[in-house]
Amino acid sequence: MRVFSIAKGFHRLWKLQTANLGQKELDRLRAIRIFKSTADVKLTCATFGISRATLYRWVGRFDSRDLRSLSEQSRRPKRLRKPKWSFELLKEVKQLRRQYPRWGKDKLVVLLRDQGWKTSTSTVGRIINCLKRRGDIVEPKRPTISSKKRQIRTYAIRKPADYRPQKRRRRTTADRMQSDSPGREFRDIYL
């Protein structure tokens, strides 16, 4: 049995193939070509309506042998935060959360410190969020108060807007204001 390999340099030819460039990629290529021919940053940026930083980023990324370098790149950070807690701590938080399903990070960290764990409240919160994402713990459903279950107040029933009393009962003063101007009368209401 004979095994043949792909010829050397084939990967370079594959990169040189005409990439399916969209309108954005073609505009980037035009901007880079204008910049390299004129070396005028201000003119190029004004023509394409981009900032200097964007132009320099495009020029820095551009590889003349690989037209795929013109396409949009991921904005995801290259280095993400990695968990720094131990598996034993994760198991302990999981056990405590199952024992006390309503308790949050602030109360659980007190129990963990009593057991001898040296950890912060933020770390416990991150562990709880990690366990929720993985589906290891489920948040208990909160009891909701629906409008149907509310008790109707028999006292203090609001009167309709067009309500008028049947007869006047007695006269009282609703507001007592000190007045410096003579002839100002107090406002009376009838109940």
Protein backbone atom coordinates (compact mmCIF):
# COMPACT_ATOMS: atom_id res chain seq x y z
CA MET A 1 0.00 0.00 0.00
CA ARG A 2 1.36 3.37 -0.98
CA VAL A 3 0.44 6.58 0.84
CA PHE A 4 0.66 9.84 -1.04
CA SER A 5 0.71 13.22 0.63
CA ILE A 6 -0.59 16.50 -0.63
CA ALA A 7 2.06 18.46 -2.47
CA LYS A 8 4.09 20.98 -0.51
CA GLY A 9 2.75 24.48 -0.72
CA PHE A 10 -0.82 23.36 -1.42
CA HIS A 11 -2.09 25.18 1.66
CA ARG A 12 -0.66 28.42 0.24
CA LEU A 13 -2.54 27.88 -3.01
CA TRP A 14 -5.70 27.21 -1.06
CA LYS A 15 -5.33 30.54 0.70
CA LEU A 16 -4.82 32.35 -2.60
CA GLN A 17 -8.08 31.11 -4.06
CA THR A 18 -10.64 33.80 -4.65
CA ALA A 19 -12.50 34.22 -1.42
CA ASN A 20 -16.18 35.04 -1.44
CA LEU A 21 -15.88 38.68 -0.50
CA GLY A 22 -18.94 40.59 0.56
CA GLN A 23 -19.50 44.33 0.23
CA LYS A 24 -17.86 45.09 3.59
CA GLU A 25 -14.72 43.14 2.69
CA LEU A 26 -14.49 44.83 -0.72
CA ASP A 27 -14.81 48.25 0.91
CA ARG A 28 -12.01 47.36 3.32
CA LEU A 29 -9.82 46.22 0.46
CA ARG A 30 -10.49 49.49 -1.42
CA ALA A 31 -9.69 51.53 1.70
CA ILE A 32 -6.40 49.67 2.21
CA ARG A 33 -5.43 50.10 -1.45
CA ILE A 34 -6.20 53.85 -1.37
CA PHE A 35 -4.24 54.24 1.87
CA LYS A 36 -1.22 52.37 0.50
CA SER A 37 -1.22 54.31 -2.78
CA THR A 38 -1.75 57.79 -1.31
CA ALA A 39 -0.46 57.36 2.27
CA ASP A 40 -3.08 59.96 3.26
CA VAL A 41 -4.92 58.80 6.37
CA LYS A 42 -7.27 61.76 6.55
CA LEU A 43 -8.44 61.35 2.94
CA THR A 44 -8.99 57.61 3.31
CA CYS A 45 -10.92 57.96 6.57
CA ALA A 46 -13.10 60.74 5.17
CA THR A 47 -13.81 58.76 1.99
CA PHE A 48 -14.98 55.65 3.78
CA GLY A 49 -16.39 57.30 6.92
CA ILE A 50 -14.18 55.41 9.36
CA SER A 51 -11.90 56.42 12.20
CA ARG A 52 -8.11 56.39 12.07
CA ALA A 53 -7.98 53.55 14.58
CA THR A 54 -10.23 51.42 12.37
CA LEU A 55 -8.09 52.06 9.30
CA TYR A 56 -4.89 51.19 11.13
CA ARG A 57 -6.52 48.04 12.51
CA TRP A 58 -7.56 46.96 8.99
CA VAL A 59 -4.08 47.65 7.61
CA GLY A 60 -2.47 45.73 10.47
CA ARG A 61 -4.70 42.68 9.95
CA PHE A 62 -4.49 42.66 6.16
CA ASP A 63 -2.50 39.85 4.59
CA SER A 64 -2.14 40.17 0.82
CA ARG A 65 -1.83 36.40 0.47
CA ASP A 66 -4.98 35.66 2.47
CA LEU A 67 -8.06 37.68 1.54
CA ARG A 68 -9.98 36.13 4.43
CA SER A 69 -8.08 38.51 6.69
CA LEU A 70 -10.50 41.22 5.51
CA SER A 71 -13.55 39.53 7.03
CA GLU A 72 -15.05 40.38 10.41
CA GLN A 73 -13.19 38.85 13.31
CA SER A 74 -14.64 37.71 16.60
CA ARG A 75 -14.85 40.33 19.33
CA ARG A 76 -14.72 37.68 22.02
CA PRO A 77 -11.80 38.17 24.41
CA LYS A 78 -8.83 35.95 23.68
CA ARG A 79 -8.29 35.20 27.36
CA LEU A 80 -11.33 34.48 29.49
CA ARG A 81 -11.46 34.22 33.26
CA LYS A 82 -10.82 30.67 34.36
CA PRO A 83 -12.40 29.37 37.56
CA LYS A 84 -9.97 29.43 40.47
CA TRP A 85 -11.97 27.42 42.96
CA SER A 86 -11.34 23.82 43.91
CA PHE A 87 -13.66 20.95 43.15
CA GLU A 88 -14.14 20.33 46.88
CA LEU A 89 -15.35 23.91 47.39
CA LEU A 90 -17.75 23.50 44.47
CA LYS A 91 -19.16 20.30 46.00
CA GLU A 92 -19.55 22.00 49.39
CA VAL A 93 -21.41 25.00 47.93
CA LYS A 94 -23.63 22.62 45.97
CA GLN A 95 -24.46 20.63 49.12
CA LEU A 96 -25.18 23.77 51.18
CA ARG A 97 -27.35 25.21 48.43
CA ARG A 98 -29.40 22.00 48.28
CA GLN A 99 -29.78 22.13 52.04
CA TYR A 100 -30.73 25.84 52.01
CA PRO A 101 -32.20 26.51 48.53
CA ARG A 102 -33.30 30.09 49.27
CA TRP A 103 -29.98 31.26 50.69
CA GLY A 104 -27.68 33.40 48.59
CA LYS A 105 -23.96 33.95 48.51
CA ASP A 106 -23.86 36.21 51.58
CA LYS A 107 -25.38 33.64 53.92
CA LEU A 108 -23.62 30.64 52.40
CA VAL A 109 -20.16 32.22 52.76
CA VAL A 110 -20.71 32.48 56.55
CA LEU A 111 -21.43 28.75 56.73
CA LEU A 112 -18.40 27.98 54.58
CA ARG A 113 -16.13 30.09 56.79
CA ASP A 114 -17.47 28.28 59.86
CA GLN A 115 -16.43 25.01 58.19
CA GLY A 116 -12.91 26.35 57.63
CA TRP A 117 -13.07 27.47 53.99
CA LYS A 118 -11.25 30.72 53.17
CA THR A 119 -13.19 32.18 50.28
CA SER A 120 -14.85 35.43 49.30
CA THR A 121 -18.51 36.24 48.80
CA SER A 122 -17.92 36.97 45.12
CA THR A 123 -16.37 33.52 44.58
CA VAL A 124 -19.38 31.84 46.16
CA GLY A 125 -21.65 33.90 43.90
CA ARG A 126 -19.65 32.82 40.83
CA ILE A 127 -19.88 29.17 41.92
CA ILE A 128 -23.67 29.46 42.35
CA ASN A 129 -24.00 31.00 38.87
CA CYS A 130 -21.81 28.25 37.41
CA LEU A 131 -23.98 25.58 39.06
CA LYS A 132 -27.15 27.25 37.74
CA ARG A 133 -25.76 27.38 34.18
CA ARG A 134 -24.83 23.70 34.33
CA GLY A 135 -28.26 22.83 35.74
CA ASP A 136 -26.90 21.28 38.95
CA ILE A 137 -29.08 23.48 41.13
CA VAL A 138 -32.48 24.87 40.28
CA GLU A 139 -33.80 28.08 41.75
CA PRO A 140 -36.95 27.36 43.78
CA LYS A 141 -40.08 28.95 42.41
CA ARG A 142 -41.24 31.97 44.38
CA PRO A 143 -44.84 32.10 45.50
CA THR A 144 -46.59 34.81 43.53
CA ILE A 145 -49.42 36.98 44.78
CA SER A 146 -51.99 37.15 42.05
CA SER A 147 -54.64 39.82 41.92
CA LYS A 148 -57.38 37.20 42.24
CA LYS A 149 -56.10 35.99 45.60
CA ARG A 150 -55.91 39.44 47.16
CA GLN A 151 -58.47 40.15 49.80
CA ILE A 152 -60.96 42.85 49.00
CA ARG A 153 -60.81 45.68 51.51
CA THR A 154 -64.22 46.18 53.03
CA TYR A 155 -63.04 49.43 54.56
CA ALA A 156 -61.86 52.46 52.61
CA ILE A 157 -63.78 51.75 49.44
CA ARG A 158 -63.04 54.44 46.89
CA LYS A 159 -66.00 56.49 45.76
CA PRO A 160 -66.59 57.08 42.04
CA ALA A 161 -65.30 60.32 40.51
CA ASP A 162 -68.79 61.76 39.94
CA TYR A 163 -70.00 61.00 43.48
CA ARG A 164 -71.79 63.87 45.28
CA PRO A 165 -73.03 63.66 48.86
CA GLN A 166 -76.83 63.60 49.30
CA LYS A 167 -76.98 66.32 51.96
CA ARG A 168 -74.62 68.60 53.82
CA ARG A 169 -73.87 67.51 57.31
CA ARG A 170 -71.63 69.93 59.13
CA ARG A 171 -69.19 72.61 58.28
CA THR A 172 -65.47 72.11 59.15
CA THR A 173 -62.29 73.89 58.29
CA ALA A 174 -59.93 71.65 56.36
CA ASP A 175 -56.92 73.90 56.45
CA ARG A 176 -55.73 76.53 58.87
CA MET A 177 -53.22 78.87 57.25
CA GLN A 178 -51.53 81.87 58.77
CA SER A 179 -52.27 84.77 56.46
CA ASP A 180 -50.55 88.14 56.49
CA SER A 181 -52.89 89.71 53.98
CA PRO A 182 -56.15 91.14 55.39
CA GLY A 183 -59.45 89.88 54.02
CA ARG A 184 -58.18 86.45 53.10
CA GLU A 185 -60.72 83.81 54.04
CA PHE A 186 -60.16 80.24 55.06
CA ARG A 187 -61.38 77.56 52.75
CA ASP A 188 -64.25 75.53 54.17
CA ILE A 189 -65.44 72.10 53.08
CA TYR A 190 -68.68 70.35 53.89
CA LEU A 191 -68.73 66.75 55.03
